[in-house]
Amino acid sequence: MASLTFDTHRFVISLQKSGFSTEQAEGINNALNEALQTADVATKADLQTAVSDIKADAADQRTKIVQWLAALLIAQAAGIAALVKLL
């Protein structure tokens, strides 16, 4: 997973403009930084990779199902042909 980045200075200034003191704004900023560093956040690229992997796996499974069905149809045809010869 990728790490998130944002402008912490601008965040602190924004909090100060909203009425927080410098100490409060820096405390909130530090808490948010710690939370973001420990969080395991998925980015859009991570999600796109996961979707691509799932689609590839689904296509592989469809191919395997078609192969099994083809083999079963051939076996069924051979079984029917053998029964017709016996009768």
Protein backbone atom coordinates (compact mmCIF):
# COMPACT_ATOMS: atom_id res chain seq x y z
CA MET A 1 0.00 0.00 0.00
CA ALA A 2 1.12 3.53 -0.69
CA SER A 3 1.44 6.26 1.88
CA LEU A 4 -0.68 9.37 1.82
CA THR A 5 0.91 12.80 1.73
CA PHE A 6 -0.61 16.18 2.47
CA ASP A 7 0.55 19.66 3.35
CA THR A 8 0.71 19.66 7.16
CA HIS A 9 1.65 23.34 7.33
CA ARG A 10 -1.41 24.33 5.33
CA PHE A 11 -3.50 22.04 7.55
CA VAL A 12 -2.25 23.78 10.72
CA ILE A 13 -2.88 27.22 9.21
CA SER A 14 -6.39 26.16 8.19
CA LEU A 15 -7.11 25.01 11.74
CA GLN A 16 -5.77 28.27 13.14
CA LYS A 17 -8.00 30.27 10.77
CA SER A 18 -10.93 28.21 12.06
CA GLY A 19 -10.24 29.35 15.60
CA PHE A 20 -7.87 26.74 17.00
CA SER A 21 -4.83 27.90 18.93
CA THR A 22 -1.38 27.07 17.59
CA GLU A 23 -0.94 24.34 20.21
CA GLN A 24 -4.32 22.80 19.42
CA ALA A 25 -3.73 22.91 15.66
CA GLU A 26 -0.29 21.33 16.00
CA GLY A 27 -1.68 18.68 18.35
CA ILE A 28 -4.42 17.77 15.88
CA ASN A 29 -1.87 17.75 13.08
CA ASN A 30 0.45 15.42 15.02
CA ALA A 31 -2.41 13.07 15.88
CA LEU A 32 -3.55 12.97 12.26
CA ASN A 33 0.01 12.32 11.04
CA GLU A 34 0.38 9.39 13.44
CA ALA A 35 -2.97 7.96 12.37
CA LEU A 36 -2.07 8.21 8.69
CA GLN A 37 1.32 6.61 9.22
CA THR A 38 -0.15 3.61 11.00
CA ALA A 39 -3.18 3.27 8.70
CA ASP A 40 -3.07 0.76 5.88
CA VAL A 41 -4.85 2.78 3.22
CA ALA A 42 -5.57 1.58 -0.29
CA THR A 43 -5.02 4.02 -3.13
CA LYS A 44 -6.85 4.10 -6.45
CA ALA A 45 -3.88 2.37 -8.06
CA ASP A 46 -4.04 -0.40 -5.43
CA LEU A 47 -7.75 -0.89 -6.12
CA GLN A 48 -7.23 -0.92 -9.88
CA THR A 49 -4.53 -3.57 -9.49
CA ALA A 50 -6.83 -5.67 -7.32
CA VAL A 51 -9.69 -5.38 -9.83
CA SER A 52 -7.35 -6.37 -12.68
CA ASP A 53 -6.17 -9.41 -10.72
CA ILE A 54 -9.76 -10.45 -9.97
CA LYS A 55 -10.78 -10.06 -13.61
CA ALA A 56 -7.79 -12.14 -14.72
CA ASP A 57 -8.67 -14.86 -12.20
CA ALA A 58 -12.30 -14.86 -13.34
CA ALA A 59 -11.24 -15.22 -16.98
CA ASP A 60 -8.96 -18.11 -16.04
CA GLN A 61 -11.80 -19.83 -14.18
CA ARG A 62 -14.14 -19.39 -17.17
CA THR A 63 -11.52 -21.01 -19.40
CA LYS A 64 -11.20 -23.97 -17.04
CA ILE A 65 -14.98 -24.41 -16.87
CA VAL A 66 -15.25 -24.42 -20.67
CA GLN A 67 -12.47 -27.00 -20.90
CA TRP A 68 -14.21 -29.26 -18.37
CA LEU A 69 -17.55 -28.91 -20.14
CA ALA A 70 -15.96 -29.73 -23.50
CA ALA A 71 -14.33 -32.83 -22.02
CA LEU A 72 -17.61 -33.93 -20.45
CA LEU A 73 -19.49 -33.42 -23.72
CA ILE A 74 -16.92 -35.52 -25.60
CA ALA A 75 -17.14 -38.22 -22.96
CA GLN A 76 -20.94 -38.15 -23.13
CA ALA A 77 -20.88 -38.40 -26.93
CA ALA A 78 -18.47 -41.35 -26.71
CA GLY A 79 -20.72 -43.03 -24.14
CA ILE A 80 -23.80 -42.55 -26.31
CA ALA A 81 -21.95 -43.83 -29.39
CA ALA A 82 -20.89 -46.94 -27.45
CA LEU A 83 -24.46 -47.58 -26.29
CA VAL A 84 -25.82 -47.16 -29.82
CA LYS A 85 -23.32 -49.74 -31.12
CA LEU A 86 -24.38 -52.18 -28.44
CA LEU A 87 -28.03 -51.90 -29.39
